[in-house]
Amino acid sequence: MFEIRWILERIRKGEYYFSKHGDQERQNDNLTIAEVEEALLESRILEQYEDTGRGESCLIVGFTETGKPIHIVCGRRGDWLVIITVYIPRLPKFKTPYERSEK
């Protein structure tokens, strides 16, 4: 189970990295690394995911200084935070940054 303070500490210490997929998704949504860091530092955990073979992970929602919403799925590798994927939440999957759309 992830705790937001552990995630914030990793970001502040620079003890995180993007997976190849996460970095590609970040670029696909034209998000800068600085924007992802801003969002993580002003964030909350929305969902926790059990270990499905690659370790536990969680979905985080945060906002940039300009108010842009960003979703970040994070995992853990040892003492490091791994950013598994990053995207801007939007329809059809999300009604709001906090709420999934009905299927």
PDB file of N, CA and C in Angstrom:
ATOM      1  N   MET A   1       0.844  -1.179   0.000  1.00  0.00           N
ATOM      2  CA  MET A   1       0.000   0.000   0.000  1.00  0.00           C
ATOM      3  C   MET A   1       0.893   1.246   0.000  1.00  0.00           C
ATOM      4  N   PHE A   2       0.595   2.151  -0.883  1.00  0.00           N
ATOM      5  CA  PHE A   2       1.385   3.370  -0.993  1.00  0.00           C
ATOM      6  C   PHE A   2       0.856   4.442  -0.048  1.00  0.00           C
ATOM      7  N   GLU A   3       1.767   5.271   0.416  1.00  0.00           N
ATOM      8  CA  GLU A   3       1.402   6.445   1.205  1.00  0.00           C
ATOM      9  C   GLU A   3       1.918   7.674   0.464  1.00  0.00           C
ATOM     10  N   ILE A   4       1.106   8.713   0.434  1.00  0.00           N
ATOM     11  CA  ILE A   4       1.453   9.909  -0.330  1.00  0.00           C
ATOM     12  C   ILE A   4       2.754  10.538   0.180  1.00  0.00           C
ATOM     13  N   ARG A   5       3.008  10.479   1.469  1.00  0.00           N
ATOM     14  CA  ARG A   5       4.235  11.122   1.973  1.00  0.00           C
ATOM     15  C   ARG A   5       5.494  10.417   1.452  1.00  0.00           C
ATOM     16  N   TRP A   6       5.439   9.081   1.263  1.00  0.00           N
ATOM     17  CA  TRP A   6       6.581   8.355   0.702  1.00  0.00           C
ATOM     18  C   TRP A   6       6.810   8.807  -0.743  1.00  0.00           C
ATOM     19  N   ILE A   7       5.731   8.956  -1.488  1.00  0.00           N
ATOM     20  CA  ILE A   7       5.831   9.400  -2.883  1.00  0.00           C
ATOM     21  C   ILE A   7       6.417  10.808  -2.954  1.00  0.00           C
ATOM     22  N   LEU A   8       5.921  11.716  -2.129  1.00  0.00           N
ATOM     23  CA  LEU A   8       6.424  13.093  -2.124  1.00  0.00           C
ATOM     24  C   LEU A   8       7.903  13.141  -1.769  1.00  0.00           C
ATOM     25  N   GLU A   9       8.308  12.313  -0.818  1.00  0.00           N
ATOM     26  CA  GLU A   9       9.714  12.270  -0.421  1.00  0.00           C
ATOM     27  C   GLU A   9      10.595  11.810  -1.577  1.00  0.00           C
ATOM     28  N   ARG A  10      10.139  10.820  -2.321  1.00  0.00           N
ATOM     29  CA  ARG A  10      10.909  10.330  -3.473  1.00  0.00           C
ATOM     30  C   ARG A  10      11.054  11.433  -4.521  1.00  0.00           C
ATOM     31  N   ILE A  11       9.977  12.170  -4.782  1.00  0.00           N
ATOM     32  CA  ILE A  11      10.038  13.240  -5.783  1.00  0.00           C
ATOM     33  C   ILE A  11      10.999  14.326  -5.318  1.00  0.00           C
ATOM     34  N   ARG A  12      10.874  14.749  -4.078  1.00  0.00           N
ATOM     35  CA  ARG A  12      11.741  15.820  -3.557  1.00  0.00           C
ATOM     36  C   ARG A  12      13.205  15.426  -3.578  1.00  0.00           C
ATOM     37  N   LYS A  13      13.510  14.139  -3.345  1.00  0.00           N
ATOM     38  CA  LYS A  13      14.893  13.665  -3.338  1.00  0.00           C
ATOM     39  C   LYS A  13      15.394  13.286  -4.734  1.00  0.00           C
ATOM     40  N   GLY A  14      14.508  13.305  -5.709  1.00  0.00           N
ATOM     41  CA  GLY A  14      14.904  12.898  -7.058  1.00  0.00           C
ATOM     42  C   GLY A  14      15.098  11.398  -7.174  1.00  0.00           C
ATOM     43  N   GLU A  15      14.459  10.630  -6.309  1.00  0.00           N
ATOM     44  CA  GLU A  15      14.595   9.171  -6.299  1.00  0.00           C
ATOM     45  C   GLU A  15      13.416   8.539  -7.031  1.00  0.00           C
ATOM     46  N   TYR A  16      13.311   8.879  -8.298  1.00  0.00           N
ATOM     47  CA  TYR A  16      12.253   8.332  -9.141  1.00  0.00           C
ATOM     48  C   TYR A  16      12.758   8.274 -10.572  1.00  0.00           C
ATOM     49  N   TYR A  17      12.081   7.459 -11.355  1.00  0.00           N
ATOM     50  CA  TYR A  17      12.378   7.435 -12.787  1.00  0.00           C
ATOM     51  C   TYR A  17      11.122   7.041 -13.558  1.00  0.00           C
ATOM     52  N   PHE A  18      11.108   7.388 -14.834  1.00  0.00           N
ATOM     53  CA  PHE A  18      10.024   7.043 -15.725  1.00  0.00           C
ATOM     54  C   PHE A  18      10.322   5.699 -16.378  1.00  0.00           C
ATOM     55  N   SER A  19       9.336   4.824 -16.438  1.00  0.00           N
ATOM     56  CA  SER A  19       9.479   3.627 -17.260  1.00  0.00           C
ATOM     57  C   SER A  19       9.510   4.092 -18.720  1.00  0.00           C
ATOM     58  N   LYS A  20       9.939   3.237 -19.602  1.00  0.00           N
ATOM     59  CA  LYS A  20       9.950   3.593 -21.025  1.00  0.00           C
ATOM     60  C   LYS A  20       8.530   3.954 -21.474  1.00  0.00           C
ATOM     61  N   HIS A  21       7.555   3.140 -21.072  1.00  0.00           N
ATOM     62  CA  HIS A  21       6.152   3.404 -21.420  1.00  0.00           C
ATOM     63  C   HIS A  21       5.688   4.740 -20.827  1.00  0.00           C
ATOM     64  N   GLY A  22       6.011   4.970 -19.555  1.00  0.00           N
ATOM     65  CA  GLY A  22       5.601   6.204 -18.884  1.00  0.00           C
ATOM     66  C   GLY A  22       6.148   7.442 -19.568  1.00  0.00           C
ATOM     67  N   ASP A  23       7.401   7.372 -19.982  1.00  0.00           N
ATOM     68  CA  ASP A  23       7.989   8.535 -20.647  1.00  0.00           C
ATOM     69  C   ASP A  23       7.353   8.751 -22.018  1.00  0.00           C
ATOM     70  N   GLN A  24       7.057   7.669 -22.722  1.00  0.00           N
ATOM     71  CA  GLN A  24       6.403   7.797 -24.035  1.00  0.00           C
ATOM     72  C   GLN A  24       5.011   8.401 -23.889  1.00  0.00           C
ATOM     73  N   GLU A  25       4.239   7.942 -22.898  1.00  0.00           N
ATOM     74  CA  GLU A  25       2.898   8.480 -22.674  1.00  0.00           C
ATOM     75  C   GLU A  25       2.954   9.955 -22.262  1.00  0.00           C
ATOM     76  N   ARG A  26       3.955  10.306 -21.469  1.00  0.00           N
ATOM     77  CA  ARG A  26       4.149  11.713 -21.070  1.00  0.00           C
ATOM     78  C   ARG A  26       4.340  12.572 -22.322  1.00  0.00           C
ATOM     79  N   GLN A  27       5.189  12.116 -23.207  1.00  0.00           N
ATOM     80  CA  GLN A  27       5.458  12.856 -24.436  1.00  0.00           C
ATOM     81  C   GLN A  27       4.231  12.900 -25.346  1.00  0.00           C
ATOM     82  N   ASN A  28       3.454  11.796 -25.382  1.00  0.00           N
ATOM     83  CA  ASN A  28       2.240  11.753 -26.213  1.00  0.00           C
ATOM     84  C   ASN A  28       1.242  12.829 -25.808  1.00  0.00           C
ATOM     85  N   ASP A  29       1.182  13.163 -24.507  1.00  0.00           N
ATOM     86  CA  ASP A  29       0.276  14.207 -24.025  1.00  0.00           C
ATOM     87  C   ASP A  29       0.976  15.556 -23.882  1.00  0.00           C
ATOM     88  N   ASN A  30       2.178  15.673 -24.458  1.00  0.00           N
ATOM     89  CA  ASN A  30       2.947  16.922 -24.431  1.00  0.00           C
ATOM     90  C   ASN A  30       3.149  17.457 -23.015  1.00  0.00           C
ATOM     91  N   LEU A  31       3.447  16.555 -22.082  1.00  0.00           N
ATOM     92  CA  LEU A  31       3.703  16.948 -20.701  1.00  0.00           C
ATOM     93  C   LEU A  31       5.207  17.002 -20.460  1.00  0.00           C
ATOM     94  N   THR A  32       5.647  18.031 -19.776  1.00  0.00           N
ATOM     95  CA  THR A  32       7.062  18.138 -19.433  1.00  0.00           C
ATOM     96  C   THR A  32       7.323  17.387 -18.122  1.00  0.00           C
ATOM     97  N   ILE A  33       8.567  17.075 -17.883  1.00  0.00           N
ATOM     98  CA  ILE A  33       8.939  16.443 -16.621  1.00  0.00           C
ATOM     99  C   ILE A  33       8.607  17.382 -15.469  1.00  0.00           C
ATOM    100  N   ALA A  34       8.826  18.680 -15.661  1.00  0.00           N
ATOM    101  CA  ALA A  34       8.506  19.660 -14.610  1.00  0.00           C
ATOM    102  C   ALA A  34       7.014  19.641 -14.284  1.00  0.00           C
ATOM    103  N   GLU A  35       6.159  19.504 -15.300  1.00  0.00           N
ATOM    104  CA  GLU A  35       4.718  19.449 -15.046  1.00  0.00           C
ATOM    105  C   GLU A  35       4.343  18.198 -14.249  1.00  0.00           C
ATOM    106  N   VAL A  36       4.962  17.086 -14.572  1.00  0.00           N
ATOM    107  CA  VAL A  36       4.682  15.845 -13.833  1.00  0.00           C
ATOM    108  C   VAL A  36       5.129  16.000 -12.385  1.00  0.00           C
ATOM    109  N   GLU A  37       6.304  16.582 -12.171  1.00  0.00           N
ATOM    110  CA  GLU A  37       6.775  16.821 -10.800  1.00  0.00           C
ATOM    111  C   GLU A  37       5.824  17.754 -10.050  1.00  0.00           C
ATOM    112  N   GLU A  38       5.387  18.837 -10.688  1.00  0.00           N
ATOM    113  CA  GLU A  38       4.437  19.772 -10.061  1.00  0.00           C
ATOM    114  C   GLU A  38       3.170  19.031  -9.639  1.00  0.00           C
ATOM    115  N   ALA A  39       2.645  18.217 -10.549  1.00  0.00           N
ATOM    116  CA  ALA A  39       1.412  17.483 -10.267  1.00  0.00           C
ATOM    117  C   ALA A  39       1.613  16.505  -9.111  1.00  0.00           C
ATOM    118  N   LEU A  40       2.747  15.834  -9.083  1.00  0.00           N
ATOM    119  CA  LEU A  40       3.005  14.886  -7.994  1.00  0.00           C
ATOM    120  C   LEU A  40       3.122  15.583  -6.652  1.00  0.00           C
ATOM    121  N   LEU A  41       3.692  16.779  -6.651  1.00  0.00           N
ATOM    122  CA  LEU A  41       3.870  17.500  -5.385  1.00  0.00           C
ATOM    123  C   LEU A  41       2.557  18.087  -4.868  1.00  0.00           C
ATOM    124  N   GLU A  42       1.534  18.168  -5.723  1.00  0.00           N
ATOM    125  CA  GLU A  42       0.200  18.650  -5.332  1.00  0.00           C
ATOM    126  C   GLU A  42      -0.805  17.554  -5.684  1.00  0.00           C
ATOM    127  N   SER A  43      -0.677  16.404  -5.045  1.00  0.00           N
ATOM    128  CA  SER A  43      -1.448  15.249  -5.484  1.00  0.00           C
ATOM    129  C   SER A  43      -2.119  14.500  -4.344  1.00  0.00           C
ATOM    130  N   ARG A  44      -2.943  13.549  -4.761  1.00  0.00           N
ATOM    131  CA  ARG A  44      -3.536  12.600  -3.820  1.00  0.00           C
ATOM    132  C   ARG A  44      -3.713  11.269  -4.531  1.00  0.00           C
ATOM    133  N   ILE A  45      -3.737  10.212  -3.754  1.00  0.00           N
ATOM    134  CA  ILE A  45      -3.913   8.873  -4.303  1.00  0.00           C
ATOM    135  C   ILE A  45      -5.401   8.632  -4.536  1.00  0.00           C
ATOM    136  N   LEU A  46      -5.744   8.237  -5.762  1.00  0.00           N
ATOM    137  CA  LEU A  46      -7.135   7.931  -6.110  1.00  0.00           C
ATOM    138  C   LEU A  46      -7.445   6.449  -5.939  1.00  0.00           C
ATOM    139  N   GLU A  47      -6.537   5.600  -6.404  1.00  0.00           N
ATOM    140  CA  GLU A  47      -6.773   4.161  -6.380  1.00  0.00           C
ATOM    141  C   GLU A  47      -5.474   3.438  -6.038  1.00  0.00           C
ATOM    142  N   GLN A  48      -5.600   2.328  -5.305  1.00  0.00           N
ATOM    143  CA  GLN A  48      -4.472   1.449  -4.992  1.00  0.00           C
ATOM    144  C   GLN A  48      -4.701   0.136  -5.739  1.00  0.00           C
ATOM    145  N   TYR A  49      -3.664  -0.416  -6.335  1.00  0.00           N
ATOM    146  CA  TYR A  49      -3.768  -1.660  -7.088  1.00  0.00           C
ATOM    147  C   TYR A  49      -2.892  -2.727  -6.453  1.00  0.00           C
ATOM    148  N   GLU A  50      -3.447  -3.923  -6.354  1.00  0.00           N
ATOM    149  CA  GLU A  50      -2.711  -5.053  -5.791  1.00  0.00           C
ATOM    150  C   GLU A  50      -1.595  -5.487  -6.727  1.00  0.00           C
ATOM    151  N   ASP A  51      -0.721  -6.292  -6.194  1.00  0.00           N
ATOM    152  CA  ASP A  51       0.367  -6.874  -6.971  1.00  0.00           C
ATOM    153  C   ASP A  51      -0.219  -7.885  -7.951  1.00  0.00           C
ATOM    154  N   THR A  52      -0.087  -7.607  -9.218  1.00  0.00           N
ATOM    155  CA  THR A  52      -0.566  -8.535 -10.246  1.00  0.00           C
ATOM    156  C   THR A  52       0.606  -9.175 -10.983  1.00  0.00           C
ATOM    157  N   GLY A  53       1.733  -9.276 -10.327  1.00  0.00           N
ATOM    158  CA  GLY A  53       2.912  -9.879 -10.929  1.00  0.00           C
ATOM    159  C   GLY A  53       4.062  -8.917 -11.126  1.00  0.00           C
ATOM    160  N   ARG A  54       3.777  -7.629 -11.110  1.00  0.00           N
ATOM    161  CA  ARG A  54       4.830  -6.624 -11.287  1.00  0.00           C
ATOM    162  C   ARG A  54       4.945  -5.715 -10.086  1.00  0.00           C
ATOM    163  N   GLY A  55       4.285  -6.063  -9.007  1.00  0.00           N
ATOM    164  CA  GLY A  55       4.329  -5.242  -7.806  1.00  0.00           C
ATOM    165  C   GLY A  55       3.081  -4.387  -7.672  1.00  0.00           C
ATOM    166  N   GLU A  56       2.906  -3.834  -6.490  1.00  0.00           N
ATOM    167  CA  GLU A  56       1.770  -2.952  -6.240  1.00  0.00           C
ATOM    168  C   GLU A  56       1.970  -1.637  -6.995  1.00  0.00           C
ATOM    169  N   SER A  57       0.860  -0.956  -7.237  1.00  0.00           N
ATOM    170  CA  SER A  57       0.928   0.366  -7.873  1.00  0.00           C
ATOM    171  C   SER A  57      -0.257   1.188  -7.393  1.00  0.00           C
ATOM    172  N   CYS A  58      -0.260   2.453  -7.771  1.00  0.00           N
ATOM    173  CA  CYS A  58      -1.366   3.330  -7.401  1.00  0.00           C
ATOM    174  C   CYS A  58      -1.572   4.391  -8.476  1.00  0.00           C
ATOM    175  N   LEU A  59      -2.810   4.881  -8.532  1.00  0.00           N
ATOM    176  CA  LEU A  59      -3.165   5.971  -9.440  1.00  0.00           C
ATOM    177  C   LEU A  59      -3.234   7.248  -8.629  1.00  0.00           C
ATOM    178  N   ILE A  60      -2.511   8.244  -9.083  1.00  0.00           N
ATOM    179  CA  ILE A  60      -2.434   9.532  -8.403  1.00  0.00           C
ATOM    180  C   ILE A  60      -3.012  10.605  -9.319  1.00  0.00           C
ATOM    181  N   VAL A  61      -3.721  11.560  -8.728  1.00  0.00           N
ATOM    182  CA  VAL A  61      -4.160  12.728  -9.480  1.00  0.00           C
ATOM    183  C   VAL A  61      -3.477  13.942  -8.871  1.00  0.00           C
ATOM    184  N   GLY A  62      -2.975  14.794  -9.747  1.00  0.00           N
ATOM    185  CA  GLY A  62      -2.346  16.030  -9.304  1.00  0.00           C
ATOM    186  C   GLY A  62      -2.567  17.107 -10.347  1.00  0.00           C
ATOM    187  N   PHE A  63      -2.197  18.314  -9.981  1.00  0.00           N
ATOM    188  CA  PHE A  63      -2.411  19.453 -10.865  1.00  0.00           C
ATOM    189  C   PHE A  63      -1.131  20.267 -10.991  1.00  0.00           C
ATOM    190  N   THR A  64      -0.897  20.779 -12.191  1.00  0.00           N
ATOM    191  CA  THR A  64       0.247  21.655 -12.402  1.00  0.00           C
ATOM    192  C   THR A  64      -0.075  23.020 -11.795  1.00  0.00           C
ATOM    193  N   GLU A  65       0.910  23.894 -11.781  1.00  0.00           N
ATOM    194  CA  GLU A  65       0.698  25.251 -11.258  1.00  0.00           C
ATOM    195  C   GLU A  65      -0.340  26.013 -12.066  1.00  0.00           C
ATOM    196  N   THR A  66      -0.536  25.619 -13.324  1.00  0.00           N
ATOM    197  CA  THR A  66      -1.541  26.279 -14.169  1.00  0.00           C
ATOM    198  C   THR A  66      -2.901  25.590 -14.080  1.00  0.00           C
ATOM    199  N   GLY A  67      -3.016  24.548 -13.260  1.00  0.00           N
ATOM    200  CA  GLY A  67      -4.288  23.868 -13.061  1.00  0.00           C
ATOM    201  C   GLY A  67      -4.560  22.691 -13.980  1.00  0.00           C
ATOM    202  N   LYS A  68      -3.577  22.294 -14.778  1.00  0.00           N
ATOM    203  CA  LYS A  68      -3.762  21.156 -15.683  1.00  0.00           C
ATOM    204  C   LYS A  68      -3.791  19.860 -14.862  1.00  0.00           C
ATOM    205  N   PRO A  69      -4.848  19.032 -15.013  1.00  0.00           N
ATOM    206  CA  PRO A  69      -4.901  17.767 -14.278  1.00  0.00           C
ATOM    207  C   PRO A  69      -4.014  16.709 -14.944  1.00  0.00           C
ATOM    208  N   ILE A  70      -3.355  15.916 -14.113  1.00  0.00           N
ATOM    209  CA  ILE A  70      -2.509  14.841 -14.623  1.00  0.00           C
ATOM    210  C   ILE A  70      -2.735  13.604 -13.761  1.00  0.00           C
ATOM    211  N   HIS A  71      -2.864  12.455 -14.416  1.00  0.00           N
ATOM    212  CA  HIS A  71      -2.903  11.172 -13.725  1.00  0.00           C
ATOM    213  C   HIS A  71      -1.541  10.514 -13.871  1.00  0.00           C
ATOM    214  N   ILE A  72      -1.065   9.949 -12.778  1.00  0.00           N
ATOM    215  CA  ILE A  72       0.227   9.276 -12.756  1.00  0.00           C
ATOM    216  C   ILE A  72       0.030   7.932 -12.081  1.00  0.00           C
ATOM    217  N   VAL A  73       0.416   6.853 -12.754  1.00  0.00           N
ATOM    218  CA  VAL A  73       0.406   5.530 -12.136  1.00  0.00           C
ATOM    219  C   VAL A  73       1.838   5.252 -11.703  1.00  0.00           C
ATOM    220  N   CYS A  74       1.989   4.975 -10.399  1.00  0.00           N
ATOM    221  CA  CYS A  74       3.308   4.784  -9.813  1.00  0.00           C
ATOM    222  C   CYS A  74       3.463   3.382  -9.234  1.00  0.00           C
ATOM    223  N   GLY A  75       4.681   2.910  -9.278  1.00  0.00           N
ATOM    224  CA  GLY A  75       5.054   1.659  -8.640  1.00  0.00           C
ATOM    225  C   GLY A  75       6.307   1.889  -7.818  1.00  0.00           C
ATOM    226  N   ARG A  76       6.858   0.798  -7.296  1.00  0.00           N
ATOM    227  CA  ARG A  76       8.043   0.896  -6.452  1.00  0.00           C
ATOM    228  C   ARG A  76       9.043  -0.164  -6.888  1.00  0.00           C
ATOM    229  N   ARG A  77      10.295   0.227  -6.985  1.00  0.00           N
ATOM    230  CA  ARG A  77      11.398  -0.699  -7.236  1.00  0.00           C
ATOM    231  C   ARG A  77      12.438  -0.410  -6.176  1.00  0.00           C
ATOM    232  N   GLY A  78      12.468  -1.237  -5.159  1.00  0.00           N
ATOM    233  CA  GLY A  78      13.347  -0.974  -4.026  1.00  0.00           C
ATOM    234  C   GLY A  78      12.908   0.306  -3.346  1.00  0.00           C
ATOM    235  N   ASP A  79      13.837   1.234  -3.166  1.00  0.00           N
ATOM    236  CA  ASP A  79      13.531   2.522  -2.548  1.00  0.00           C
ATOM    237  C   ASP A  79      13.166   3.592  -3.572  1.00  0.00           C
ATOM    238  N   TRP A  80      13.033   3.221  -4.841  1.00  0.00           N
ATOM    239  CA  TRP A  80      12.768   4.179  -5.903  1.00  0.00           C
ATOM    240  C   TRP A  80      11.310   4.130  -6.339  1.00  0.00           C
ATOM    241  N   LEU A  81      10.779   5.292  -6.676  1.00  0.00           N
ATOM    242  CA  LEU A  81       9.452   5.429  -7.245  1.00  0.00           C
ATOM    243  C   LEU A  81       9.569   5.270  -8.759  1.00  0.00           C
ATOM    244  N   VAL A  82       8.699   4.476  -9.337  1.00  0.00           N
ATOM    245  CA  VAL A  82       8.685   4.294 -10.784  1.00  0.00           C
ATOM    246  C   VAL A  82       7.392   4.894 -11.323  1.00  0.00           C
ATOM    247  N   ILE A  83       7.526   5.760 -12.288  1.00  0.00           N
ATOM    248  CA  ILE A  83       6.356   6.336 -12.948  1.00  0.00           C
ATOM    249  C   ILE A  83       6.050   5.430 -14.135  1.00  0.00           C
ATOM    250  N   ILE A  84       4.980   4.653 -13.967  1.00  0.00           N
ATOM    251  CA  ILE A  84       4.626   3.619 -14.934  1.00  0.00           C
ATOM    252  C   ILE A  84       3.936   4.221 -16.156  1.00  0.00           C
ATOM    253  N   THR A  85       3.026   5.146 -15.916  1.00  0.00           N
ATOM    254  CA  THR A  85       2.376   5.852 -17.019  1.00  0.00           C
ATOM    255  C   THR A  85       1.890   7.213 -16.529  1.00  0.00           C
ATOM    256  N   VAL A  86       1.700   8.099 -17.470  1.00  0.00           N
ATOM    257  CA  VAL A  86       1.277   9.479 -17.197  1.00  0.00           C
ATOM    258  C   VAL A  86       0.334   9.890 -18.311  1.00  0.00           C
ATOM    259  N   TYR A  87      -0.774  10.538 -17.946  1.00  0.00           N
ATOM    260  CA  TYR A  87      -1.703  11.003 -18.977  1.00  0.00           C
ATOM    261  C   TYR A  87      -2.612  12.081 -18.408  1.00  0.00           C
ATOM    262  N   ILE A  88      -3.243  12.805 -19.314  1.00  0.00           N
ATOM    263  CA  ILE A  88      -4.252  13.790 -18.926  1.00  0.00           C
ATOM    264  C   ILE A  88      -5.595  13.064 -18.911  1.00  0.00           C
ATOM    265  N   PRO A  89      -6.292  13.054 -17.766  1.00  0.00           N
ATOM    266  CA  PRO A  89      -7.574  12.350 -17.702  1.00  0.00           C
ATOM    267  C   PRO A  89      -8.637  13.072 -18.516  1.00  0.00           C
ATOM    268  N   ARG A  90      -9.329  12.316 -19.359  1.00  0.00           N
ATOM    269  CA  ARG A  90     -10.376  12.910 -20.205  1.00  0.00           C
ATOM    270  C   ARG A  90     -11.361  11.830 -20.622  1.00  0.00           C
ATOM    271  N   LEU A  91     -12.450  12.288 -21.197  1.00  0.00           N
ATOM    272  CA  LEU A  91     -13.432  11.355 -21.739  1.00  0.00           C
ATOM    273  C   LEU A  91     -12.790  10.529 -22.841  1.00  0.00           C
ATOM    274  N   PRO A  92     -13.139   9.289 -23.032  1.00  0.00           N
ATOM    275  CA  PRO A  92     -14.274   8.598 -22.456  1.00  0.00           C
ATOM    276  C   PRO A  92     -13.995   7.899 -21.122  1.00  0.00           C
ATOM    277  N   LYS A  93     -12.743   7.814 -20.684  1.00  0.00           N
ATOM    278  CA  LYS A  93     -12.456   7.073 -19.455  1.00  0.00           C
ATOM    279  C   LYS A  93     -12.818   7.830 -18.180  1.00  0.00           C
ATOM    280  N   PHE A  94     -12.628   9.145 -18.180  1.00  0.00           N
ATOM    281  CA  PHE A  94     -12.857   9.931 -16.963  1.00  0.00           C
ATOM    282  C   PHE A  94     -13.789  11.102 -17.234  1.00  0.00           C
ATOM    283  N   LYS A  95     -14.795  11.255 -16.356  1.00  0.00           N
ATOM    284  CA  LYS A  95     -15.699  12.412 -16.418  1.00  0.00           C
ATOM    285  C   LYS A  95     -15.000  13.643 -15.875  1.00  0.00           C
ATOM    286  N   THR A  96     -14.289  13.447 -14.769  1.00  0.00           N
ATOM    287  CA  THR A  96     -13.517  14.507 -14.114  1.00  0.00           C
ATOM    288  C   THR A  96     -12.183  13.897 -13.730  1.00  0.00           C
ATOM    289  N   PRO A  97     -11.224  14.708 -13.275  1.00  0.00           N
ATOM    290  CA  PRO A  97      -9.959  14.129 -12.838  1.00  0.00           C
ATOM    291  C   PRO A  97     -10.114  13.130 -11.679  1.00  0.00           C
ATOM    292  N   TYR A  98     -11.245  13.193 -10.980  1.00  0.00           N
ATOM    293  CA  TYR A  98     -11.465  12.337  -9.816  1.00  0.00           C
ATOM    294  C   TYR A  98     -12.438  11.200 -10.051  1.00  0.00           C
ATOM    295  N   GLU A  99     -13.156  11.213 -11.179  1.00  0.00           N
ATOM    296  CA  GLU A  99     -14.262  10.281 -11.360  1.00  0.00           C
ATOM    297  C   GLU A  99     -14.216   9.598 -12.723  1.00  0.00           C
ATOM    298  N   ARG A 100     -14.259   8.249 -12.670  1.00  0.00           N
ATOM    299  CA  ARG A 100     -14.310   7.470 -13.907  1.00  0.00           C
ATOM    300  C   ARG A 100     -15.674   7.602 -14.557  1.00  0.00           C
ATOM    301  N   SER A 101     -15.698   7.482 -15.860  1.00  0.00           N
ATOM    302  CA  SER A 101     -16.970   7.468 -16.587  1.00  0.00           C
ATOM    303  C   SER A 101     -17.634   6.106 -16.401  1.00  0.00           C
ATOM    304  N   GLU A 102     -18.934   6.080 -16.544  1.00  0.00           N
ATOM    305  CA  GLU A 102     -19.644   4.799 -16.500  1.00  0.00           C
ATOM    306  C   GLU A 102     -19.357   4.064 -17.778  1.00  0.00           C
ATOM    307  N   LYS A 103     -19.253   2.764 -17.663  1.00  0.00           N
ATOM    308  CA  LYS A 103     -18.905   1.945 -18.842  1.00  0.00           C
ATOM    309  C   LYS A 103     -20.085   1.661 -19.711  1.00  0.00           C
TER     310      LYS A 103
END
